C-alpha atoms as a PDB file:
ATOM      1  CA  MET A   1       0.000   0.000   0.000  1.00  0.00           C
ATOM      2  CA  ARG A   2       1.046   3.575  -0.710  1.00  0.00           C
ATOM      3  CA  ALA A   3      -0.147   6.090   1.915  1.00  0.00           C
ATOM      4  CA  LEU A   4       0.044   9.829   2.516  1.00  0.00           C
ATOM      5  CA  PHE A   5       0.314  10.844   6.172  1.00  0.00           C
ATOM      6  CA  THR A   6      -0.372  14.415   7.314  1.00  0.00           C
ATOM      7  CA  GLY A   7       0.241  15.809  10.792  1.00  0.00           C
ATOM      8  CA  GLY A   8       3.111  13.473  11.600  1.00  0.00           C
ATOM      9  CA  SER A   9       5.091  16.261  13.255  1.00  0.00           C
ATOM     10  CA  SER A  10       2.665  16.413  16.191  1.00  0.00           C
ATOM     11  CA  PRO A  11       3.487  14.165  19.170  1.00  0.00           C
ATOM     12  CA  LEU A  12       0.298  12.156  18.618  1.00  0.00           C
ATOM     13  CA  GLY A  13       0.703  11.955  14.859  1.00  0.00           C
ATOM     14  CA  MET A  14       4.320  10.853  15.256  1.00  0.00           C
ATOM     15  CA  ARG A  15       3.241   7.874  17.346  1.00  0.00           C
ATOM     16  CA  VAL A  16       0.745   6.668  14.766  1.00  0.00           C
ATOM     17  CA  LEU A  17       3.123   7.397  11.887  1.00  0.00           C
ATOM     18  CA  GLN A  18       5.707   5.111  13.489  1.00  0.00           C
ATOM     19  CA  CYS A  19       3.079   2.388  13.748  1.00  0.00           C
ATOM     20  CA  VAL A  20       2.242   2.753  10.052  1.00  0.00           C
ATOM     21  CA  LEU A  21       5.917   2.621   9.072  1.00  0.00           C
ATOM     22  CA  ASP A  22       6.423  -0.530  11.127  1.00  0.00           C
ATOM     23  CA  SER A  23       3.444  -2.283   9.521  1.00  0.00           C
ATOM     24  CA  GLU A  24       4.039  -4.761   6.699  1.00  0.00           C
ATOM     25  CA  GLN A  25       0.803  -3.558   5.086  1.00  0.00           C
ATOM     26  CA  TYR A  26       2.428  -0.312   3.952  1.00  0.00           C
ATOM     27  CA  ASP A  27       5.161  -0.356   1.326  1.00  0.00           C
ATOM     28  CA  GLU A  28       5.566   3.398   0.863  1.00  0.00           C
ATOM     29  CA  VAL A  29       4.560   6.223   3.196  1.00  0.00           C
ATOM     30  CA  TRP A  30       4.617   9.842   2.088  1.00  0.00           C
ATOM     31  CA  TYR A  31       5.000  12.216   5.002  1.00  0.00           C
ATOM     32  CA  SER A  32       3.718  15.733   4.357  1.00  0.00           C
ATOM     33  CA  VAL A  33       5.862  18.470   5.883  1.00  0.00           C
ATOM     34  CA  HIS A  34       4.893  22.127   6.041  1.00  0.00           C
ATOM     35  CA  GLU A  35       7.046  24.202   8.391  1.00  0.00           C
ATOM     36  CA  GLN A  36       8.471  21.478  10.626  1.00  0.00           C
ATOM     37  CA  ASN A  37      11.804  19.776  10.071  1.00  0.00           C
ATOM     38  CA  VAL A  38      11.861  16.046   9.457  1.00  0.00           C
ATOM     39  CA  THR A  39      12.892  14.251  12.652  1.00  0.00           C
ATOM     40  CA  ILE A  40      12.162  10.665  11.673  1.00  0.00           C
ATOM     41  CA  LYS A  41      13.993   8.360   9.263  1.00  0.00           C
ATOM     42  CA  HIS A  42      12.759   5.113   7.758  1.00  0.00           C
ATOM     43  CA  PRO A  43      13.389   3.286   4.465  1.00  0.00           C
ATOM     44  CA  LYS A  44       9.666   3.442   3.613  1.00  0.00           C
ATOM     45  CA  LEU A  45       9.410   7.155   4.281  1.00  0.00           C
ATOM     46  CA  ARG A  46       9.174   9.739   1.503  1.00  0.00           C
ATOM     47  CA  ILE A  47       9.034  13.486   2.203  1.00  0.00           C
ATOM     48  CA  LEU A  48       6.515  15.788   0.541  1.00  0.00           C
ATOM     49  CA  ARG A  49       6.550  19.547   1.147  1.00  0.00           C
ATOM     50  CA  LEU A  50       2.895  20.458   1.387  1.00  0.00           C
ATOM     51  CA  SER A  51       0.665  23.304   2.566  1.00  0.00           C
ATOM     52  CA  LEU A  52      -3.031  22.517   2.889  1.00  0.00           C
ATOM     53  CA  GLU A  53      -3.894  26.193   2.649  1.00  0.00           C
ATOM     54  CA  ASP A  54      -2.600  26.329  -0.931  1.00  0.00           C
ATOM     55  CA  LEU A  55      -3.339  24.286  -4.025  1.00  0.00           C
ATOM     56  CA  VAL A  56      -2.398  20.743  -2.989  1.00  0.00           C
ATOM     57  CA  ASP A  57       0.000  19.150  -5.456  1.00  0.00           C
ATOM     58  CA  LEU A  58       0.493  15.399  -5.084  1.00  0.00           C
ATOM     59  CA  SER A  59       2.095  14.858  -8.489  1.00  0.00           C
ATOM     60  CA  GLN A  60       5.279  13.494  -6.854  1.00  0.00           C
ATOM     61  CA  ILE A  61       3.304  10.496  -5.597  1.00  0.00           C
ATOM     62  CA  SER A  62       2.925   7.656  -8.077  1.00  0.00           C
ATOM     63  CA  GLU A  63      -0.551   6.385  -8.816  1.00  0.00           C
ATOM     64  CA  PRO A  64      -2.424   4.865  -7.249  1.00  0.00           C
ATOM     65  CA  LEU A  65      -2.269   6.561  -3.878  1.00  0.00           C
ATOM     66  CA  THR A  66      -3.976   3.938  -1.735  1.00  0.00           C
ATOM     67  CA  GLN A  67      -4.830   5.845   1.442  1.00  0.00           C
ATOM     68  CA  VAL A  68      -4.700   9.237   3.131  1.00  0.00           C
ATOM     69  CA  ILE A  69      -4.175   9.324   6.904  1.00  0.00           C
ATOM     70  CA  HIS A  70      -5.085  12.870   7.872  1.00  0.00           C
ATOM     71  CA  PHE A  71      -3.983  14.111  11.304  1.00  0.00           C
ATOM     72  CA  ALA A  72      -3.000  17.662  10.326  1.00  0.00           C
ATOM     73  CA  ALA A  73      -5.231  20.383  11.785  1.00  0.00           C
ATOM     74  CA  THR A  74      -5.289  23.775  13.420  1.00  0.00           C
ATOM     75  CA  THR A  75      -6.390  23.084  16.994  1.00  0.00           C
ATOM     76  CA  HIS A  76      -5.762  26.386  18.811  1.00  0.00           C
ATOM     77  CA  THR A  77      -5.552  29.855  17.299  1.00  0.00           C
ATOM     78  CA  ARG A  78      -6.703  33.376  18.057  1.00  0.00           C
ATOM     79  CA  ASN A  79      -7.665  33.839  14.403  1.00  0.00           C
ATOM     80  CA  GLU A  80     -10.765  31.698  13.937  1.00  0.00           C
ATOM     81  CA  GLN A  81     -10.500  31.883  10.143  1.00  0.00           C
ATOM     82  CA  GLU A  82      -7.434  29.674  10.392  1.00  0.00           C
ATOM     83  CA  TYR A  83      -9.637  26.815  11.629  1.00  0.00           C
ATOM     84  CA  TRP A  84     -11.764  27.036   8.493  1.00  0.00           C
ATOM     85  CA  GLN A  85      -8.776  27.506   6.205  1.00  0.00           C
ATOM     86  CA  THR A  86      -6.936  24.421   7.441  1.00  0.00           C
ATOM     87  CA  ASN A  87      -9.558  22.100   8.896  1.00  0.00           C
ATOM     88  CA  LEU A  88     -12.228  22.514   6.244  1.00  0.00           C
ATOM     89  CA  ARG A  89     -10.765  23.981   3.067  1.00  0.00           C
ATOM     90  CA  GLY A  90      -7.417  22.256   3.590  1.00  0.00           C
ATOM     91  CA  THR A  91      -9.124  18.893   4.072  1.00  0.00           C
ATOM     92  CA  VAL A  92     -11.235  19.391   0.941  1.00  0.00           C
ATOM     93  CA  ASN A  93      -8.142  20.430  -1.046  1.00  0.00           C
ATOM     94  CA  LEU A  94      -6.343  17.308   0.154  1.00  0.00           C
ATOM     95  CA  MET A  95      -9.314  15.075  -0.578  1.00  0.00           C
ATOM     96  CA  GLU A  96      -9.687  16.334  -4.139  1.00  0.00           C
ATOM     97  CA  ALA A  97      -5.971  16.021  -4.887  1.00  0.00           C
ATOM     98  CA  ALA A  98      -5.859  12.515  -3.421  1.00  0.00           C
ATOM     99  CA  ARG A  99      -8.872  11.397  -5.437  1.00  0.00           C
ATOM    100  CA  ALA A 100      -7.108  12.610  -8.554  1.00  0.00           C
ATOM    101  CA  ARG A 101      -4.234  10.226  -7.684  1.00  0.00           C
ATOM    102  CA  GLY A 102      -6.645   7.295  -7.449  1.00  0.00           C
ATOM    103  CA  CYS A 103      -7.157   7.353  -3.681  1.00  0.00           C
ATOM    104  CA  ARG A 104     -10.291   5.619  -2.404  1.00  0.00           C
ATOM    105  CA  ARG A 105      -9.418   5.241   1.296  1.00  0.00           C
ATOM    106  CA  PHE A 106      -9.403   8.124   3.805  1.00  0.00           C
ATOM    107  CA  PHE A 107      -8.682   8.094   7.552  1.00  0.00           C
ATOM    108  CA  PHE A 108      -9.670  11.366   9.238  1.00  0.00           C
ATOM    109  CA  VAL A 109      -9.005  12.435  12.827  1.00  0.00           C
ATOM    110  CA  SER A 110     -11.833  14.688  13.980  1.00  0.00           C
ATOM    111  CA  THR A 111     -13.089  15.432  17.521  1.00  0.00           C
ATOM    112  CA  ARG A 112     -16.039  14.543  19.711  1.00  0.00           C
ATOM    113  CA  CYS A 113     -16.643  18.310  19.894  1.00  0.00           C
ATOM    114  CA  ALA A 114     -17.681  18.297  16.222  1.00  0.00           C
ATOM    115  CA  THR A 115     -21.144  19.681  16.905  1.00  0.00           C
ATOM    116  CA  GLU A 116     -23.020  22.844  16.009  1.00  0.00           C
ATOM    117  CA  GLY A 117     -22.464  25.762  18.371  1.00  0.00           C
ATOM    118  CA  SER A 118     -19.244  24.384  19.864  1.00  0.00           C
ATOM    119  CA  GLY A 119     -16.897  26.989  18.412  1.00  0.00           C
ATOM    120  CA  ALA A 120     -14.940  27.459  15.207  1.00  0.00           C
ATOM    121  CA  TYR A 121     -12.562  24.525  15.708  1.00  0.00           C
ATOM    122  CA  ALA A 122     -15.414  22.106  16.372  1.00  0.00           C
ATOM    123  CA  GLU A 123     -17.618  23.420  13.591  1.00  0.00           C
ATOM    124  CA  SER A 124     -14.784  23.388  11.039  1.00  0.00           C
ATOM    125  CA  LYS A 125     -14.168  19.728  11.867  1.00  0.00           C
ATOM    126  CA  ARG A 126     -17.894  19.000  11.612  1.00  0.00           C
ATOM    127  CA  ALA A 127     -18.017  20.669   8.204  1.00  0.00           C
ATOM    128  CA  ALA A 128     -14.996  18.659   7.017  1.00  0.00           C
ATOM    129  CA  GLU A 129     -16.690  15.422   8.111  1.00  0.00           C
ATOM    130  CA  ARG A 130     -19.721  16.331   6.027  1.00  0.00           C
ATOM    131  CA  GLU A 131     -17.641  17.095   2.948  1.00  0.00           C
ATOM    132  CA  LEU A 132     -15.822  13.783   3.223  1.00  0.00           C
ATOM    133  CA  GLN A 133     -19.111  11.908   3.504  1.00  0.00           C
ATOM    134  CA  LYS A 134     -20.344  13.385   0.221  1.00  0.00           C
ATOM    135  CA  VAL A 135     -17.764  11.304  -1.660  1.00  0.00           C
ATOM    136  CA  ASP A 136     -18.042   7.620  -2.546  1.00  0.00           C
ATOM    137  CA  TRP A 137     -15.127   5.967  -0.724  1.00  0.00           C
ATOM    138  CA  GLU A 138     -14.040   2.369  -0.576  1.00  0.00           C
ATOM    139  CA  SER A 139     -13.177   3.179   3.028  1.00  0.00           C
ATOM    140  CA  LEU A 140     -13.830   6.282   5.115  1.00  0.00           C
ATOM    141  CA  VAL A 141     -12.934   6.166   8.805  1.00  0.00           C
ATOM    142  CA  ILE A 142     -13.639   9.210  10.979  1.00  0.00           C
ATOM    143  CA  LEU A 143     -12.145   9.006  14.452  1.00  0.00           C
ATOM    144  CA  ARG A 144     -13.554  11.390  17.074  1.00  0.00           C
ATOM    145  CA  PRO A 145     -11.303  11.411  20.153  1.00  0.00           C
ATOM    146  CA  ALA A 146     -12.215  13.000  23.466  1.00  0.00           C
ATOM    147  CA  GLU A 147      -9.735  15.088  25.498  1.00  0.00           C
ATOM    148  CA  ILE A 148      -6.307  13.477  25.046  1.00  0.00           C
ATOM    149  CA  TYR A 149      -3.698  13.771  27.768  1.00  0.00           C
ATOM    150  CA  GLY A 150      -0.315  12.225  28.496  1.00  0.00           C
ATOM    151  CA  LEU A 151       1.714  14.079  25.858  1.00  0.00           C
ATOM    152  CA  THR A 152       3.200  16.625  28.304  1.00  0.00           C
ATOM    153  CA  GLY A 153       1.672  19.337  26.136  1.00  0.00           C
ATOM    154  CA  THR A 154       0.482  22.831  27.016  1.00  0.00           C
ATOM    155  CA  GLU A 155      -3.187  22.445  26.139  1.00  0.00           C
ATOM    156  CA  GLY A 156      -6.303  21.035  27.750  1.00  0.00           C
ATOM    157  CA  ILE A 157      -5.867  18.491  30.511  1.00  0.00           C
ATOM    158  CA  ASP A 158      -2.095  18.369  30.024  1.00  0.00           C
ATOM    159  CA  ARG A 159      -2.048  22.065  30.910  1.00  0.00           C
ATOM    160  CA  LEU A 160      -3.916  21.340  34.146  1.00  0.00           C
ATOM    161  CA  LEU A 161      -1.476  18.546  34.920  1.00  0.00           C
ATOM    162  CA  LYS A 162       1.466  20.916  34.424  1.00  0.00           C
ATOM    163  CA  LEU A 163      -0.061  23.455  36.791  1.00  0.00           C
ATOM    164  CA  GLY A 164      -0.554  20.707  39.350  1.00  0.00           C
ATOM    165  CA  THR A 165       2.939  19.251  39.108  1.00  0.00           C
ATOM    166  CA  ARG A 166       4.899  22.502  38.715  1.00  0.00           C
ATOM    167  CA  PHE A 167       2.980  24.992  40.856  1.00  0.00           C
ATOM    168  CA  HIS A 168       0.851  22.641  42.965  1.00  0.00           C
ATOM    169  CA  LEU A 169      -2.262  24.560  41.992  1.00  0.00           C
ATOM    170  CA  VAL A 170      -5.164  23.456  39.814  1.00  0.00           C
ATOM    171  CA  PRO A 171      -8.340  25.298  38.697  1.00  0.00           C
ATOM    172  CA  LEU A 172     -11.502  23.618  39.952  1.00  0.00           C
ATOM    173  CA  LEU A 173     -14.365  24.482  37.588  1.00  0.00           C
ATOM    174  CA  TRP A 174     -17.790  24.077  39.166  1.00  0.00           C
ATOM    175  CA  GLY A 175     -21.309  25.392  38.698  1.00  0.00           C
ATOM    176  CA  SER A 176     -22.124  24.009  35.234  1.00  0.00           C
ATOM    177  CA  ARG A 177     -23.120  20.526  34.116  1.00  0.00           C
ATOM    178  CA  LYS A 178     -21.949  21.407  30.617  1.00  0.00           C
ATOM    179  CA  VAL A 179     -18.308  21.209  31.674  1.00  0.00           C
ATOM    180  CA  GLN A 180     -17.571  17.511  31.222  1.00  0.00           C
ATOM    181  CA  PHE A 181     -14.465  15.573  30.211  1.00  0.00           C
ATOM    182  CA  ALA A 182     -13.832  12.004  29.062  1.00  0.00           C
ATOM    183  CA  PRO A 183     -10.019  11.933  29.474  1.00  0.00           C
ATOM    184  CA  LEU A 184      -8.325   9.668  26.946  1.00  0.00           C
ATOM    185  CA  HIS A 185      -4.695   8.753  27.503  1.00  0.00           C
ATOM    186  CA  ALA A 186      -2.439   9.192  24.480  1.00  0.00           C
ATOM    187  CA  ASP A 187      -1.309   5.558  24.771  1.00  0.00           C
ATOM    188  CA  ASP A 188      -4.904   4.350  24.470  1.00  0.00           C
ATOM    189  CA  PHE A 189      -5.669   6.600  21.522  1.00  0.00           C
ATOM    190  CA  THR A 190      -2.515   5.489  19.729  1.00  0.00           C
ATOM    191  CA  ALA A 191      -3.336   1.810  20.254  1.00  0.00           C
ATOM    192  CA  ILE A 192      -6.888   2.275  18.991  1.00  0.00           C
ATOM    193  CA  ALA A 193      -5.932   4.401  15.978  1.00  0.00           C
ATOM    194  CA  CYS A 194      -3.277   1.905  14.938  1.00  0.00           C
ATOM    195  CA  ALA A 195      -5.612  -1.050  15.405  1.00  0.00           C
ATOM    196  CA  VAL A 196      -8.339   0.553  13.293  1.00  0.00           C
ATOM    197  CA  LEU A 197      -5.823   1.419  10.578  1.00  0.00           C
ATOM    198  CA  MET A 198      -4.479  -2.131  10.445  1.00  0.00           C
ATOM    199  CA  GLU A 199      -8.003  -3.541  10.075  1.00  0.00           C
ATOM    200  CA  GLN A 200      -8.406  -1.713   6.746  1.00  0.00           C
ATOM    201  CA  ARG A 201     -12.161  -1.441   7.132  1.00  0.00           C
ATOM    202  CA  HIS A 202     -14.502  -1.120   4.184  1.00  0.00           C
ATOM    203  CA  GLY A 203     -17.389   1.328   4.079  1.00  0.00           C
ATOM    204  CA  VAL A 204     -18.006   4.353   6.288  1.00  0.00           C
ATOM    205  CA  HIS A 205     -17.142   4.172   9.985  1.00  0.00           C
ATOM    206  CA  ILE A 206     -17.570   7.078  12.421  1.00  0.00           C
ATOM    207  CA  LEU A 207     -16.023   6.121  15.733  1.00  0.00           C
ATOM    208  CA  ASP A 208     -16.128   8.076  18.995  1.00  0.00           C
ATOM    209  CA  VAL A 209     -13.108   7.323  21.183  1.00  0.00           C
ATOM    210  CA  CYS A 210     -13.551   8.403  24.796  1.00  0.00           C
ATOM    211  CA  GLY A 211     -11.758   7.576  28.006  1.00  0.00           C
ATOM    212  CA  PRO A 212     -13.386   5.084  30.387  1.00  0.00           C
ATOM    213  CA  GLU A 213     -14.911   7.790  32.612  1.00  0.00           C
ATOM    214  CA  ASN A 214     -16.972  10.938  32.187  1.00  0.00           C
ATOM    215  CA  LEU A 215     -15.674  13.482  34.707  1.00  0.00           C
ATOM    216  CA  SER A 216     -16.709  16.964  35.786  1.00  0.00           C
ATOM    217  CA  GLY A 217     -14.322  19.855  36.263  1.00  0.00           C
ATOM    218  CA  THR A 218     -14.522  19.241  40.001  1.00  0.00           C
ATOM    219  CA  GLU A 219     -13.569  15.583  39.651  1.00  0.00           C
ATOM    220  CA  ILE A 220     -10.657  16.366  37.324  1.00  0.00           C
ATOM    221  CA  ALA A 221      -9.233  18.946  39.741  1.00  0.00           C
ATOM    222  CA  SER A 222      -9.746  16.697  42.769  1.00  0.00           C
ATOM    223  CA  ARG A 223      -7.766  13.865  41.219  1.00  0.00           C
ATOM    224  CA  ILE A 224      -4.917  16.151  40.192  1.00  0.00           C
ATOM    225  CA  GLY A 225      -4.915  17.630  43.680  1.00  0.00           C
ATOM    226  CA  ARG A 226      -4.711  14.232  45.378  1.00  0.00           C
ATOM    227  CA  ARG A 227      -2.048  12.872  43.035  1.00  0.00           C
ATOM    228  CA  TYR A 228       0.309  15.858  43.040  1.00  0.00           C
ATOM    229  CA  GLY A 229      -0.517  17.599  46.302  1.00  0.00           C
ATOM    230  CA  ALA A 230      -1.993  20.487  44.326  1.00  0.00           C
ATOM    231  CA  LEU A 231      -4.322  23.038  45.896  1.00  0.00           C
ATOM    232  CA  PRO A 232      -7.643  23.217  43.983  1.00  0.00           C
ATOM    233  CA  ILE A 233      -8.656  26.812  43.254  1.00  0.00           C
ATOM    234  CA  PRO A 234     -12.487  26.899  43.028  1.00  0.00           C
ATOM    235  CA  LEU A 235     -13.768  28.876  40.047  1.00  0.00           C
ATOM    236  CA  TRP A 236     -17.521  29.203  39.701  1.00  0.00           C
ATOM    237  CA  TRP A 237     -17.857  28.673  35.976  1.00  0.00           C
ATOM    238  CA  PRO A 238     -20.802  31.046  35.251  1.00  0.00           C
ATOM    239  CA  ALA A 239     -18.907  33.979  36.779  1.00  0.00           C
ATOM    240  CA  PHE A 240     -15.523  32.932  35.398  1.00  0.00           C
ATOM    241  CA  ARG A 241     -17.018  32.635  31.900  1.00  0.00           C
ATOM    242  CA  LEU A 242     -18.410  36.184  32.144  1.00  0.00           C
ATOM    243  CA  ILE A 243     -14.984  37.483  33.158  1.00  0.00           C
ATOM    244  CA  LEU A 244     -13.311  35.750  30.196  1.00  0.00           C
ATOM    245  CA  GLN A 245     -15.974  37.044  27.810  1.00  0.00           C
ATOM    246  CA  GLY A 246     -15.641  40.544  29.218  1.00  0.00           C
ATOM    247  CA  LEU A 247     -11.897  40.469  28.675  1.00  0.00           C
ATOM    248  CA  GLN A 248     -12.439  39.323  25.084  1.00  0.00           C
ATOM    249  CA  THR A 249     -14.697  42.322  24.369  1.00  0.00           C
ATOM    250  CA  VAL A 250     -11.847  44.682  25.268  1.00  0.00           C
ATOM    251  CA  GLY A 251      -9.308  42.715  23.229  1.00  0.00           C
ATOM    252  CA  VAL A 252      -7.741  40.683  26.020  1.00  0.00           C
ATOM    253  CA  ASN A 253      -7.859  36.993  25.116  1.00  0.00           C
ATOM    254  CA  ALA A 254      -6.944  35.024  28.207  1.00  0.00           C
ATOM    255  CA  VAL A 255      -8.032  31.949  26.228  1.00  0.00           C
ATOM    256  CA  ASN A 256      -8.502  31.410  22.505  1.00  0.00           C
ATOM    257  CA  PRO A 257     -11.822  32.900  21.337  1.00  0.00           C
ATOM    258  CA  ASP A 258     -13.532  29.549  20.700  1.00  0.00           C
ATOM    259  CA  GLN A 259     -12.351  27.803  23.874  1.00  0.00           C
ATOM    260  CA  ILE A 260     -15.415  28.677  25.961  1.00  0.00           C
ATOM    261  CA  LYS A 261     -17.824  27.305  23.369  1.00  0.00           C
ATOM    262  CA  ARG A 262     -15.683  24.205  22.879  1.00  0.00           C
ATOM    263  CA  LEU A 263     -15.662  23.509  26.598  1.00  0.00           C
ATOM    264  CA  GLU A 264     -19.416  24.016  27.070  1.00  0.00           C
ATOM    265  CA  GLY A 265     -20.632  22.687  23.726  1.00  0.00           C
ATOM    266  CA  SER A 266     -22.409  19.404  23.186  1.00  0.00           C
ATOM    267  CA  LYS A 267     -20.322  16.344  22.375  1.00  0.00           C
ATOM    268  CA  THR A 268     -20.938  13.630  19.822  1.00  0.00           C
ATOM    269  CA  ALA A 269     -20.616  11.040  22.602  1.00  0.00           C
ATOM    270  CA  HIS A 270     -19.619  10.602  26.240  1.00  0.00           C
ATOM    271  CA  ALA A 271     -18.471   7.011  25.789  1.00  0.00           C
ATOM    272  CA  SER A 272     -16.658   5.149  23.046  1.00  0.00           C
ATOM    273  CA  SER A 273     -18.604   3.780  20.105  1.00  0.00           C
ATOM    274  CA  ASN A 274     -19.980   0.273  20.444  1.00  0.00           C
ATOM    275  CA  ASP A 275     -17.152  -1.306  18.504  1.00  0.00           C
ATOM    276  CA  ASP A 276     -15.052  -4.335  19.370  1.00  0.00           C
ATOM    277  CA  THR A 277     -11.755  -2.594  18.597  1.00  0.00           C
ATOM    278  CA  LEU A 278     -12.633   0.305  20.892  1.00  0.00           C
ATOM    279  CA  ASN A 279     -13.958  -1.811  23.740  1.00  0.00           C
ATOM    280  CA  ARG A 280     -10.658  -2.557  25.423  1.00  0.00           C
ATOM    281  CA  PRO A 281      -9.280  -1.734  28.884  1.00  0.00           C
ATOM    282  CA  MET A 282      -8.201   1.907  29.069  1.00  0.00           C
ATOM    283  CA  LYS A 283      -6.335   3.970  31.628  1.00  0.00           C
ATOM    284  CA  ARG A 284      -8.566   5.729  34.128  1.00  0.00           C
ATOM    285  CA  PHE A 285      -7.527   9.319  34.684  1.00  0.00           C
ATOM    286  CA  LEU A 286      -4.721   9.326  37.311  1.00  0.00           C
ATOM    287  CA  ARG A 287      -5.739   5.822  38.359  1.00  0.00           C
ATOM    288  CA  GLU A 288      -3.562   3.852  35.933  1.00  0.00           C
END
């Protein structure tokens, strides 16, 4: 098989890319690089300089291109148009170019936040899902992960973990039932993504991948506090949200503009899809 892999420079994408390279199913893997330097070497790996925001040129790849594995996305930005440019228009550009190279298999990493009213990131992913489903694929797999942690990153739950371990403080969000998390460890997501890829499923599959528990902001903070001796700082969410929104109106973005909607918005699921590959033991948040 000949595959094109986007988003391999991210810590999560790199893990899955390594799995693909190690698989005997793939003979040639094209790794799209935009601004990042190439940090991985493998005899199967081919490098393709590519920007999803521009006209996507895949002419270097011999036909047929068997599969696209699409991790690349804009996840956090203060310019909401960048979400639409990369996550929607970039995905459509990639899809059309891949189809022109004979591709009939597409693996797309979306989000369980892909619902209406959940902010520009979520809605751009939702729109991309819809565009992909308009096309007749031999295989279309859409993976919708919940909040991934365990990558020592600076976003989401990893950011809370850093506050807890470094400063021994953690925000405790309370006062809203809309604030819910289904923490998914990066190891579990990687194992599931790789397993689904290796199955080479036919038809359309939309799979929600959530951690084994649905936790409130209070429960998340309490566990971080107990594990790392961090002091929970109670923040009543209705008031805290008003403060953040007030700051945004005067041009002070303490968080990215869509973060409030993404946090409060509806989710596609609160538990993993009823699928044998997904129904495996997973790490419980800070109870591994």
